[in-house]
Amino acid sequence: MVLEVKQPRPMWEILFSSHHTDVGLLYTLLSLTAFIIGGALAIAIRTELFLPGGQMHIITDPETFNRIFTVHGTNMLFLWLLPFASGMGNYLIPIMVKYRDMAWPKLNAVAFWMIPVGMALIWMGFADTSWMAYPPFSTTRAPGPAAEMWIFGLKILGISSILGAINFVVTILKMKHPDLPLMKTSLFVWSTLSTSLMILVAMPSFAAALIMLYTDRLGVSGFFNPEMGGDPVAYLHLFWFTFHPEVYIFLLPAVGMMYELTPKFSRKPIFSYQSGVTAFVLLSIVGFASWAHHMFATGMSFTEKTVFMVGTLAAVPASAMHVFNWLATMWGGRIRFSSPMAFVTGGMVLFFFAGAGGIVNTAMPLDFLTHGSYWVVGHFHLFVMGMITFCFVGFLFYMFPFITGRMYNEKAAMVMFWLFFIGVSTIFLTQHVLGLYGQPRRTFDYVPVQPIIILNQISTVGAWITASGAALFIGILIHGTMKGKYADMKDPFKLDEVYYPIAAKEPHH
C-alpha cells in the first residue's frame, strides 16, 4: 500500500474534520502536549527531592507537592498514554480492516473533543487527592472545588474512552472487509480490540466509585465512611478492578505497535501469529483476575490473597509469549536498527526489568516489604515511562513520514534514544533500591541518611538526562515537520533494499 500525501491544509479543516486520520492526528498532538507538560511536573518533583528538607525551593510545602504529583499522575495516564494509543488506532485501524473510516465518524470526533474539556478541569483544579483518591482523605480532607473538578474531569475522560472503545470494537468486528478474516488481520488490530473490550468491562466500576466519592463529599451518602456504616476498602476494590486492567489497557497498544515494527525492521515475518493472539486474549482475562494484589495489606484472608497471587502470576507466561515472539522474530533477521527499532529493543529490555520487579510484588511476603515504597514507583514507571513510552515514541518515528511526507533527523533521534534509555534506567532502577532502603512513596521530604540522599540524587540526575531527551524529541518533530527532507513514500526506512551477503571467494582450480 502506498499512501498519497495531500497538500498542506488549513488547521481549521483538520480541527473540524471527522475523518479518522484527522481525528487520529488531533489525538496524537494533544497527547504529546500532555506528555511534555506532565513531564515538566515530574522534573519539578525530582528536582525538589534532590536534597532532603525542601531546600531547592521549587515546591514550598507538602500540599503543593501533593497537587503536583496528583496532576502529574492523572495527566500521564489519561492524557498521554490513552489518547496516544487512540490516535494511532484511529489513524490505522480503518486502513488495516479495509474500511473507509471508523464505524461512527462523528461519534469519534465527539470522543476526542471531550478530552480537552476533561484536561482543562484536571489542570485548572490541581487537586491534592493523589491520582488514586483514596478515602477517607479524599472524602473528608481534600479541599474543593479542586477535588470535584478532578472527579468530573475523570468522568468526562472515562465517557470519552468508552465511546472510543465502542467505535473500535464495531469497526473491527462489523466493518472489516468481508474477505478479511479476523485471524488474518494485523496484531495491532488484535491489540486495539483487546484494549477496547477491556475498557468496556473495566470503566463502569471506576465510574461508580467516582459517583460514590462525590456524594460522600457532599455528605449525602457514606459509602466509604465507617461512621455511616461504609468501608474505605470498598473503594479500593472498585478502584483496582478498573485500574489493574487499566495497566494492560496502557500496555497492549504498545505491544501491538511492537508487533508492527519488529517484523518490518527484522525483515522477516512474525514468528508466531497465533501465540500473539492467544497472549492478547489471556492478558485481557488475567487483567481482571489480579486486581486485589494491590491490597495485600488491607486485611484480606490468606486464601483470598493466594487466589490473587496466583492470578497475578498467570500474567507472566502470557507476557513472556509476547517477548519470546519478538526475540524469535528478530533471531536470524536482517535487522535495520533505525530509531523505531532502537526504541522497540530498548522497550523490550525495560519491559523485562519492569516485569522482574513486579514478580517481587506478587509474592505476599515480599510485597509487604515493598508495598507503598519507592520500589513500586520504580516498577510502575519502568512500564509506563520505559516500555510503553519507548514503544509509542518508536512508533511515532515510524509513522512520521507517512503522516507528514517528510523524514526526521535520524542521527538526532538516535541521540534522543540513548538519552532516554540512560535517563529512564537511572531514574527507576535506582528507585527500586530506594524502596529497599525504606523510602515511602508520595512524600515531600525524606530522612537525611547518606545512602538515601545519594540514591535520590542519582535518580534526579537521570530525570534531567531524560528531560534533555524530551526537549530534543520535540525539536526533532518540529524540525522534521517543517524542514525535513521529503520521504520516499514507498519505502522511507529503506527496508526493501536488496541484501547482498559477502560473496565467498571462489576456490582455486
Protein backbone atom coordinates (compact mmCIF):
# COMPACT_ATOMS: atom_id res chain seq x y z
CA MET A 1 0.00 0.00 0.00
CA VAL A 2 1.32 3.42 -0.98
CA LEU A 3 -0.10 6.46 0.81
CA GLU A 4 -0.71 9.53 -1.29
CA VAL A 5 0.43 12.68 0.55
CA LYS A 6 -2.03 15.55 0.31
CA GLN A 7 -1.07 19.19 0.03
CA PRO A 8 -0.93 21.07 3.36
CA ARG A 9 -4.38 22.09 4.60
CA PRO A 10 -5.50 24.92 6.87
CA MET A 11 -5.64 23.97 10.55
CA TRP A 12 -9.39 24.63 10.85
CA GLU A 13 -10.05 21.95 8.24
CA ILE A 14 -8.29 19.36 10.43
CA LEU A 15 -9.86 20.64 13.67
CA PHE A 16 -13.44 20.32 12.39
CA SER A 17 -12.91 17.11 10.45
CA SER A 18 -14.36 13.75 11.47
CA HIS A 19 -12.15 11.70 9.13
CA HIS A 20 -10.24 9.02 11.02
CA THR A 21 -6.76 10.26 10.01
CA ASP A 22 -7.55 13.84 11.11
CA VAL A 23 -9.04 12.72 14.44
CA GLY A 24 -6.01 10.44 14.93
CA LEU A 25 -3.70 13.38 14.31
CA LEU A 26 -5.58 15.53 16.86
CA TYR A 27 -5.37 12.74 19.46
CA THR A 28 -1.62 12.44 18.83
CA LEU A 29 -0.90 16.17 19.08
CA LEU A 30 -2.92 16.54 22.29
CA SER A 31 -1.21 13.52 23.86
CA LEU A 32 2.26 14.84 23.00
CA THR A 33 1.35 18.19 24.59
CA ALA A 34 0.21 16.40 27.76
CA PHE A 35 3.40 14.29 27.75
CA ILE A 36 5.64 17.37 27.79
CA ILE A 37 3.62 19.31 30.40
CA GLY A 38 3.24 16.26 32.67
CA GLY A 39 6.94 15.53 32.25
CA ALA A 40 7.74 19.07 33.41
CA LEU A 41 5.87 18.35 36.66
CA ALA A 42 7.88 15.14 37.09
CA ILE A 43 11.13 17.11 36.69
CA ALA A 44 9.91 19.58 39.35
CA ILE A 45 9.18 16.69 41.75
CA ARG A 46 12.55 15.03 41.22
CA THR A 47 14.45 18.34 41.44
CA GLU A 48 12.76 19.06 44.76
CA LEU A 49 13.82 15.63 46.04
CA PHE A 50 17.46 16.18 45.03
CA LEU A 51 18.08 17.13 48.69
CA PRO A 52 16.01 16.47 51.83
CA GLY A 53 14.13 19.23 53.60
CA GLY A 54 12.70 21.13 50.68
CA GLN A 55 15.93 23.02 50.18
CA MET A 56 15.57 23.51 46.42
CA HIS A 57 12.61 25.91 46.94
CA ILE A 58 10.87 24.54 43.85
CA ILE A 59 7.90 23.25 45.87
CA THR A 60 7.38 25.08 49.12
CA ASP A 61 5.00 22.86 51.12
CA PRO A 62 3.61 19.30 51.21
CA GLU A 63 0.16 20.34 49.90
CA THR A 64 1.68 21.84 46.73
CA PHE A 65 3.75 18.68 46.33
CA ASN A 66 0.56 16.57 46.61
CA ARG A 67 -1.17 18.72 43.99
CA ILE A 68 1.75 18.42 41.58
CA PHE A 69 2.07 14.65 41.74
CA THR A 70 -1.73 14.20 41.56
CA VAL A 71 -1.92 16.17 38.32
CA HIS A 72 1.29 14.57 37.02
CA GLY A 73 -0.08 11.04 37.53
CA THR A 74 -3.56 11.77 36.21
CA ASN A 75 -2.14 13.65 33.22
CA MET A 76 0.35 10.98 32.17
CA LEU A 77 -2.13 8.09 32.42
CA PHE A 78 -5.27 9.67 30.98
CA LEU A 79 -3.90 12.40 28.72
CA TRP A 80 -0.69 10.85 27.36
CA LEU A 81 -0.98 7.05 27.26
CA LEU A 82 -4.67 6.59 26.40
CA PRO A 83 -5.02 9.41 23.81
CA PHE A 84 -1.80 8.42 22.01
CA ALA A 85 -2.98 4.80 21.67
CA SER A 86 -6.37 6.09 20.45
CA GLY A 87 -4.63 8.39 17.98
CA MET A 88 -2.58 5.63 16.36
CA GLY A 89 -5.62 3.32 16.43
CA ASN A 90 -7.76 5.95 14.70
CA TYR A 91 -5.13 6.51 12.07
CA LEU A 92 -4.51 2.86 11.22
CA ILE A 93 -7.44 0.60 12.18
CA PRO A 94 -9.80 1.56 9.30
CA ILE A 95 -6.91 1.10 6.84
CA MET A 96 -5.99 -2.26 8.38
CA VAL A 97 -9.57 -3.60 8.22
CA LYS A 98 -10.07 -2.12 4.71
CA TYR A 99 -12.89 0.28 5.54
CA ARG A 100 -13.27 3.93 4.54
CA ASP A 101 -13.47 5.34 8.10
CA MET A 102 -14.41 4.45 11.66
CA ALA A 103 -17.90 2.99 12.13
CA TRP A 104 -19.25 6.30 13.53
CA PRO A 105 -17.01 9.19 12.44
CA LYS A 106 -18.94 11.95 14.24
CA LEU A 107 -19.04 9.97 17.50
CA ASN A 108 -15.30 9.51 17.04
CA ALA A 109 -14.80 13.28 16.83
CA VAL A 110 -17.07 13.79 19.89
CA ALA A 111 -14.95 11.28 21.87
CA PHE A 112 -11.86 13.31 21.06
CA TRP A 113 -13.33 16.72 21.88
CA MET A 114 -14.38 15.52 25.33
CA ILE A 115 -10.69 15.10 26.21
CA PRO A 116 -9.69 18.81 26.18
CA VAL A 117 -12.67 19.51 28.50
CA GLY A 118 -11.57 16.82 30.98
CA MET A 119 -7.97 18.02 30.64
CA ALA A 120 -8.98 21.61 31.48
CA LEU A 121 -10.89 20.51 34.61
CA ILE A 122 -7.95 18.42 35.89
CA TRP A 123 -5.35 21.12 35.23
CA MET A 124 -7.42 24.06 36.45
CA GLY A 125 -8.45 22.25 39.63
CA PHE A 126 -4.99 20.96 40.62
CA ALA A 127 -6.46 18.64 43.27
CA ASP A 128 -4.38 17.11 46.07
CA THR A 129 -6.28 13.80 46.28
CA SER A 130 -3.42 11.79 44.67
CA TRP A 131 -4.32 10.13 41.37
CA MET A 132 -5.87 7.25 43.36
CA ALA A 133 -8.06 9.47 45.58
CA TYR A 134 -8.23 7.00 48.48
CA PRO A 135 -10.81 7.77 51.15
CA PRO A 136 -11.07 8.91 53.89
CA PHE A 137 -8.70 11.72 52.84
CA SER A 138 -10.46 12.26 49.50
CA THR A 139 -13.90 12.39 51.16
CA THR A 140 -13.11 14.49 54.23
CA ARG A 141 -9.89 16.48 53.86
CA ALA A 142 -9.18 17.16 50.16
CA PRO A 143 -10.31 20.76 49.58
CA GLY A 144 -12.95 21.61 47.00
CA PRO A 145 -13.68 22.64 44.34
CA ALA A 146 -10.36 21.13 43.13
CA ALA A 147 -11.36 17.56 44.07
CA GLU A 148 -14.79 17.96 42.45
CA MET A 149 -13.14 19.26 39.26
CA TRP A 150 -10.83 16.24 39.29
CA ILE A 151 -13.81 13.86 39.69
CA PHE A 152 -15.79 15.49 36.87
CA GLY A 153 -12.70 15.67 34.64
CA LEU A 154 -12.15 11.94 35.05
CA LYS A 155 -15.84 11.21 34.43
CA ILE A 156 -15.63 13.03 31.10
CA LEU A 157 -12.39 11.24 30.14
CA GLY A 158 -13.96 7.89 31.10
CA ILE A 159 -17.01 8.52 28.87
CA SER A 160 -14.64 9.52 26.05
CA SER A 161 -12.73 6.23 26.46
CA ILE A 162 -15.96 4.20 26.40
CA LEU A 163 -17.24 5.94 23.25
CA GLY A 164 -13.89 5.40 21.54
CA ALA A 165 -13.78 1.75 22.62
CA ILE A 166 -17.30 1.06 21.27
CA ASN A 167 -16.28 2.64 17.96
CA PHE A 168 -13.13 0.49 17.71
CA VAL A 169 -14.97 -2.76 18.57
CA VAL A 170 -17.73 -2.15 15.99
CA THR A 171 -15.25 -1.01 13.32
CA ILE A 172 -13.07 -4.10 13.77
CA LEU A 173 -15.81 -6.70 14.12
CA LYS A 174 -18.52 -5.31 11.83
CA MET A 175 -16.86 -3.00 9.29
CA LYS A 176 -13.87 -5.06 8.22
CA HIS A 177 -13.79 -6.24 4.62
CA PRO A 178 -15.83 -9.46 4.17
CA ASP A 179 -12.84 -11.14 2.51
CA LEU A 180 -10.62 -10.40 5.54
CA PRO A 181 -10.95 -12.97 8.36
CA LEU A 182 -10.20 -11.71 11.86
CA MET A 183 -7.31 -14.19 12.13
CA LYS A 184 -5.69 -12.56 9.09
CA THR A 185 -5.74 -9.01 10.47
CA SER A 186 -2.67 -7.30 11.90
CA LEU A 187 -1.76 -8.00 15.53
CA PHE A 188 -2.11 -4.24 16.09
CA VAL A 189 -5.82 -4.73 15.29
CA TRP A 190 -5.97 -7.51 17.90
CA SER A 191 -4.25 -5.29 20.49
CA THR A 192 -6.78 -2.49 19.87
CA LEU A 193 -9.72 -4.91 20.01
CA SER A 194 -8.48 -6.44 23.30
CA THR A 195 -7.86 -2.99 24.80
CA SER A 196 -11.29 -1.70 23.77
CA LEU A 197 -13.12 -4.70 25.23
CA MET A 198 -11.18 -4.28 28.50
CA ILE A 199 -12.16 -0.60 28.66
CA LEU A 200 -15.84 -1.51 28.28
CA VAL A 201 -15.64 -4.02 31.16
CA ALA A 202 -13.31 -2.06 33.47
CA MET A 203 -14.53 1.54 33.29
CA PRO A 204 -18.00 1.17 34.87
CA SER A 205 -16.65 0.20 38.32
CA PHE A 206 -14.45 3.32 38.49
CA ALA A 207 -17.37 5.43 37.24
CA ALA A 208 -19.47 4.06 40.11
CA ALA A 209 -16.64 4.73 42.60
CA LEU A 210 -16.36 8.36 41.45
CA ILE A 211 -20.11 8.95 41.86
CA MET A 212 -19.98 7.43 45.37
CA LEU A 213 -16.92 9.55 46.18
CA TYR A 214 -18.72 12.68 45.03
CA THR A 215 -21.90 12.01 47.03
CA ASP A 216 -19.76 11.15 50.08
CA ARG A 217 -18.04 14.53 49.73
CA LEU A 218 -21.45 16.23 49.59
CA GLY A 219 -22.39 14.44 52.83
CA VAL A 220 -25.50 12.82 51.37
CA SER A 221 -24.06 9.29 51.48
CA GLY A 222 -21.49 7.32 53.46
CA PHE A 223 -20.33 4.58 51.11
CA PHE A 224 -16.72 4.93 52.28
CA ASN A 225 -17.37 6.48 55.71
CA PRO A 226 -17.15 3.98 58.63
CA GLU A 227 -19.19 6.32 60.87
CA MET A 228 -22.13 5.87 58.49
CA GLY A 229 -21.63 2.14 58.01
CA GLY A 230 -19.39 2.49 54.94
CA ASP A 231 -15.99 0.95 54.25
CA PRO A 232 -12.96 2.70 52.67
CA VAL A 233 -11.68 -0.69 51.45
CA ALA A 234 -14.78 -0.96 49.22
CA TYR A 235 -13.38 1.98 47.24
CA LEU A 236 -10.11 0.09 46.78
CA HIS A 237 -11.94 -2.88 45.26
CA LEU A 238 -13.87 -0.67 42.84
CA PHE A 239 -10.79 1.38 42.00
CA TRP A 240 -8.39 -1.52 41.40
CA PHE A 241 -10.98 -3.56 39.47
CA THR A 242 -10.65 -0.75 36.92
CA PHE A 243 -7.01 0.16 37.35
CA HIS A 244 -5.30 -3.18 37.34
CA PRO A 245 -6.86 -3.96 33.94
CA GLU A 246 -6.04 -0.34 33.07
CA VAL A 247 -2.34 -1.20 33.29
CA TYR A 248 -2.93 -3.73 30.49
CA ILE A 249 -5.08 -1.17 28.66
CA PHE A 250 -1.96 1.05 28.60
CA LEU A 251 0.31 -1.89 27.76
CA LEU A 252 -1.50 -3.75 24.98
CA PRO A 253 -1.46 -0.95 22.35
CA ALA A 254 2.32 -0.68 22.87
CA VAL A 255 2.62 -4.46 22.41
CA GLY A 256 0.60 -4.18 19.18
CA MET A 257 2.96 -1.47 17.95
CA MET A 258 5.94 -3.71 18.70
CA TYR A 259 4.30 -6.42 16.58
CA GLU A 260 4.15 -3.93 13.71
CA LEU A 261 7.74 -2.74 13.99
CA THR A 262 9.65 -5.91 14.94
CA PRO A 263 8.90 -7.92 11.75
CA LYS A 264 9.32 -4.89 9.48
CA PHE A 265 12.74 -3.88 10.81
CA SER A 266 13.86 -7.52 11.20
CA ARG A 267 12.80 -8.01 7.57
CA LYS A 268 11.13 -11.36 8.20
CA PRO A 269 7.59 -12.47 9.14
CA ILE A 270 6.37 -12.56 12.72
CA PHE A 271 7.46 -15.82 14.37
CA SER A 272 4.04 -16.94 15.65
CA TYR A 273 0.84 -15.05 14.87
CA GLN A 274 -1.38 -17.46 16.80
CA SER A 275 0.61 -17.16 20.04
CA GLY A 276 0.38 -13.36 19.79
CA VAL A 277 -3.42 -13.54 19.54
CA THR A 278 -3.56 -16.10 22.37
CA ALA A 279 -1.41 -13.88 24.62
CA PHE A 280 -3.66 -10.85 23.95
CA VAL A 281 -6.75 -12.84 24.94
CA LEU A 282 -5.05 -14.29 28.04
CA LEU A 283 -3.81 -10.88 29.24
CA SER A 284 -7.28 -9.40 28.73
CA ILE A 285 -8.74 -12.06 31.04
CA VAL A 286 -5.88 -12.20 33.57
CA GLY A 287 -6.01 -8.41 33.97
CA PHE A 288 -9.35 -8.86 35.74
CA ALA A 289 -8.15 -11.78 37.87
CA SER A 290 -5.49 -9.91 39.83
CA TRP A 291 -6.84 -6.54 40.99
CA ALA A 292 -6.55 -7.26 44.72
CA HIS A 293 -2.80 -7.84 44.62
CA HIS A 294 -2.69 -4.08 45.25
CA MET A 295 -4.50 -4.78 48.53
CA PHE A 296 -2.47 -7.49 50.29
CA ALA A 297 -2.01 -5.12 53.25
CA THR A 298 -5.74 -4.41 53.76
CA GLY A 299 -6.59 -7.45 55.91
CA MET A 300 -7.84 -9.98 53.38
CA SER A 301 -7.79 -13.65 54.34
CA PHE A 302 -4.82 -15.82 53.38
CA THR A 303 -6.98 -17.77 50.92
CA GLU A 304 -8.08 -14.59 49.11
CA LYS A 305 -4.52 -13.36 48.91
CA THR A 306 -3.35 -16.70 47.50
CA VAL A 307 -6.02 -16.61 44.77
CA PHE A 308 -4.92 -13.15 43.66
CA MET A 309 -1.25 -14.06 43.90
CA VAL A 310 -1.78 -16.99 41.51
CA GLY A 311 -3.94 -14.81 39.25
CA THR A 312 -1.15 -12.27 39.05
CA LEU A 313 1.49 -14.88 38.26
CA ALA A 314 -0.70 -16.04 35.36
CA ALA A 315 0.21 -12.78 33.58
CA VAL A 316 3.86 -13.85 33.43
CA PRO A 317 3.60 -16.64 30.81
CA ALA A 318 1.23 -14.50 28.70
CA SER A 319 3.68 -11.58 28.73
CA ALA A 320 6.57 -13.95 28.09
CA MET A 321 4.79 -15.26 24.97
CA HIS A 322 4.97 -11.76 23.51
CA VAL A 323 8.64 -11.30 24.44
CA PHE A 324 9.67 -14.71 23.03
CA ASN A 325 7.71 -13.90 19.87
CA TRP A 326 9.64 -10.65 19.35
CA LEU A 327 13.01 -12.26 20.09
CA ALA A 328 12.29 -15.21 17.81
CA THR A 329 11.25 -12.80 15.06
CA MET A 330 14.48 -10.84 15.44
CA TRP A 331 16.60 -14.01 15.60
CA GLY A 332 18.22 -14.56 12.21
CA GLY A 333 16.61 -11.43 10.77
CA ARG A 334 18.44 -8.78 8.78
CA ILE A 335 17.71 -6.12 11.37
CA ARG A 336 17.92 -2.45 10.42
CA PHE A 337 18.46 -0.55 13.65
CA SER A 338 16.78 2.68 12.66
CA SER A 339 15.43 4.72 15.56
CA PRO A 340 11.99 2.98 15.63
CA MET A 341 13.71 -0.40 16.06
CA ALA A 342 16.11 1.04 18.64
CA PHE A 343 13.16 2.22 20.76
CA VAL A 344 11.43 -1.16 20.38
CA THR A 345 14.57 -3.01 21.53
CA GLY A 346 15.11 -0.62 24.46
CA GLY A 347 11.43 -1.05 25.36
CA MET A 348 11.90 -4.83 25.47
CA VAL A 349 14.82 -4.50 27.90
CA LEU A 350 12.87 -2.15 30.20
CA PHE A 351 9.80 -4.42 29.92
CA PHE A 352 11.91 -7.27 31.29
CA PHE A 353 13.19 -5.14 34.19
CA ALA A 354 9.65 -3.91 34.97
CA GLY A 355 8.23 -7.44 34.92
CA ALA A 356 11.01 -8.80 37.11
CA GLY A 357 10.27 -6.10 39.72
CA GLY A 358 6.56 -6.89 39.51
CA ILE A 359 7.11 -10.57 40.36
CA VAL A 360 8.50 -9.38 43.72
CA ASN A 361 5.24 -7.53 44.39
CA THR A 362 3.31 -10.68 43.51
CA ALA A 363 4.82 -12.73 46.34
CA MET A 364 2.93 -11.84 49.53
CA PRO A 365 5.89 -11.75 51.98
CA LEU A 366 7.97 -9.57 49.66
CA ASP A 367 5.01 -7.34 48.83
CA PHE A 368 4.62 -6.40 52.50
CA LEU A 369 8.22 -5.12 52.44
CA THR A 370 7.96 -3.15 49.20
CA HIS A 371 4.30 -2.02 49.24
CA GLY A 372 3.91 1.75 49.39
CA SER A 373 7.66 2.27 48.92
CA TYR A 374 9.70 3.67 46.05
CA TRP A 375 10.08 0.09 44.78
CA VAL A 376 6.50 0.33 43.44
CA VAL A 377 7.20 3.77 41.92
CA GLY A 378 10.22 2.34 40.07
CA HIS A 379 8.34 -0.77 38.94
CA PHE A 380 5.30 1.09 37.60
CA HIS A 381 7.33 3.78 35.85
CA LEU A 382 9.54 1.21 34.10
CA PHE A 383 6.32 0.08 32.46
CA VAL A 384 4.77 3.43 31.58
CA MET A 385 7.84 5.61 31.03
CA GLY A 386 10.02 2.70 29.95
CA MET A 387 8.38 0.07 27.82
CA ILE A 388 5.13 1.83 26.83
CA THR A 389 6.55 5.30 26.16
CA PHE A 390 9.53 3.82 24.29
CA CYS A 391 7.17 1.88 22.00
CA PHE A 392 4.98 4.96 21.48
CA VAL A 393 7.95 7.15 20.56
CA GLY A 394 9.40 4.48 18.26
CA PHE A 395 6.03 4.03 16.55
CA LEU A 396 5.61 7.78 16.16
CA PHE A 397 9.01 7.96 14.42
CA TYR A 398 7.91 5.08 12.17
CA MET A 399 4.61 6.83 11.30
CA PHE A 400 6.24 10.27 10.91
CA PRO A 401 6.99 10.07 7.16
CA PHE A 402 3.53 8.58 6.44
CA ILE A 403 1.82 11.41 8.35
CA THR A 404 3.98 14.38 7.25
CA GLY A 405 5.57 13.21 3.99
CA ARG A 406 8.96 14.20 5.42
CA MET A 407 11.78 12.43 7.25
CA TYR A 408 13.06 13.46 10.66
CA ASN A 409 16.77 13.67 11.55
CA GLU A 410 17.78 10.05 12.17
CA LYS A 411 21.05 10.86 13.99
CA ALA A 412 19.26 13.21 16.40
CA ALA A 413 16.62 10.52 17.03
CA MET A 414 19.34 8.01 17.98
CA VAL A 415 20.91 10.55 20.36
CA MET A 416 17.47 11.02 21.88
CA PHE A 417 17.10 7.24 22.26
CA TRP A 418 20.31 6.96 24.28
CA LEU A 419 19.40 9.97 26.44
CA PHE A 420 16.02 8.35 27.16
CA PHE A 421 17.41 4.88 27.77
CA ILE A 422 20.20 6.01 30.09
CA GLY A 423 17.96 8.55 31.85
CA VAL A 424 14.96 6.27 32.41
CA SER A 425 17.15 3.36 33.59
CA THR A 426 18.99 5.67 36.00
CA ILE A 427 15.79 7.11 37.50
CA PHE A 428 13.74 3.99 38.03
CA LEU A 429 16.26 1.22 38.66
CA THR A 430 17.68 3.46 41.39
CA GLN A 431 14.19 3.91 42.85
CA HIS A 432 13.91 0.14 43.36
CA VAL A 433 16.93 0.35 45.65
CA LEU A 434 15.43 3.39 47.41
CA GLY A 435 12.36 1.28 48.13
CA LEU A 436 14.51 -1.42 49.69
CA TYR A 437 16.06 1.28 51.90
CA GLY A 438 12.50 2.05 53.06
CA GLN A 439 11.74 5.39 51.43
CA PRO A 440 7.92 5.71 51.25
CA ARG A 441 6.31 6.98 48.07
CA ARG A 442 4.29 10.20 47.83
CA THR A 443 6.42 12.08 50.38
CA PHE A 444 7.55 15.68 50.22
CA ASP A 445 10.65 15.05 52.35
CA TYR A 446 12.81 12.10 53.38
CA VAL A 447 15.16 11.05 56.16
CA PRO A 448 18.58 12.71 55.66
CA VAL A 449 20.56 9.44 55.65
CA GLN A 450 23.58 9.29 53.35
CA PRO A 451 22.56 6.31 51.11
CA ILE A 452 19.03 7.70 50.61
CA ILE A 453 20.34 11.17 49.75
CA ILE A 454 22.82 9.78 47.21
CA LEU A 455 20.23 7.50 45.59
CA ASN A 456 17.75 10.38 45.29
CA GLN A 457 20.43 12.50 43.67
CA ILE A 458 21.27 9.75 41.15
CA SER A 459 17.56 9.41 40.35
CA THR A 460 17.22 13.18 39.87
CA VAL A 461 20.24 13.32 37.53
CA GLY A 462 18.54 10.58 35.49
CA ALA A 463 15.43 12.78 35.31
CA TRP A 464 17.47 15.70 33.97
CA ILE A 465 19.02 13.44 31.31
CA THR A 466 15.54 12.23 30.30
CA ALA A 467 14.30 15.84 30.18
CA SER A 468 17.09 16.76 27.75
CA GLY A 469 15.98 13.82 25.59
CA ALA A 470 12.36 15.03 25.69
CA ALA A 471 13.44 18.54 24.63
CA LEU A 472 15.39 17.02 21.73
CA PHE A 473 12.31 14.92 20.85
CA ILE A 474 10.12 18.00 20.42
CA GLY A 475 12.88 19.69 18.40
CA ILE A 476 13.12 16.65 16.09
CA LEU A 477 9.36 16.60 15.48
CA ILE A 478 9.09 20.35 14.79
CA HIS A 479 12.21 20.48 12.58
CA GLY A 480 11.21 17.33 10.69
CA THR A 481 7.68 18.61 10.06
CA MET A 482 8.84 21.99 8.77
CA LYS A 483 12.22 21.36 7.14
CA GLY A 484 12.74 17.61 6.94
CA LYS A 485 13.74 16.02 3.64
CA TYR A 486 10.86 14.69 1.57
CA ALA A 487 10.44 10.98 2.31
CA ASP A 488 10.41 8.16 -0.19
CA MET A 489 6.80 7.21 0.45
CA LYS A 490 7.21 3.68 -0.95
CA ASP A 491 9.98 2.80 1.49
CA PRO A 492 11.01 5.65 3.81
CA PHE A 493 13.25 3.45 6.02
CA LYS A 494 14.96 1.59 3.11
CA LEU A 495 13.64 -1.75 4.35
CA ASP A 496 13.26 -3.18 0.83
CA GLU A 497 16.84 -2.58 -0.23
CA VAL A 498 18.41 -5.60 -1.87
CA TYR A 499 20.57 -7.51 0.60
CA TYR A 500 23.92 -8.70 -0.69
CA PRO A 501 25.74 -11.15 1.58
CA ILE A 502 29.52 -11.10 1.42
CA ALA A 503 30.38 -13.28 -1.56
CA ALA A 504 32.51 -16.29 -0.76
CA LYS A 505 35.86 -16.43 -2.52
CA GLU A 506 35.92 -18.82 -5.45
CA PRO A 507 38.21 -21.80 -4.86
CA HIS A 508 41.46 -22.00 -6.80
CA HIS A 509 41.45 -24.52 -9.62
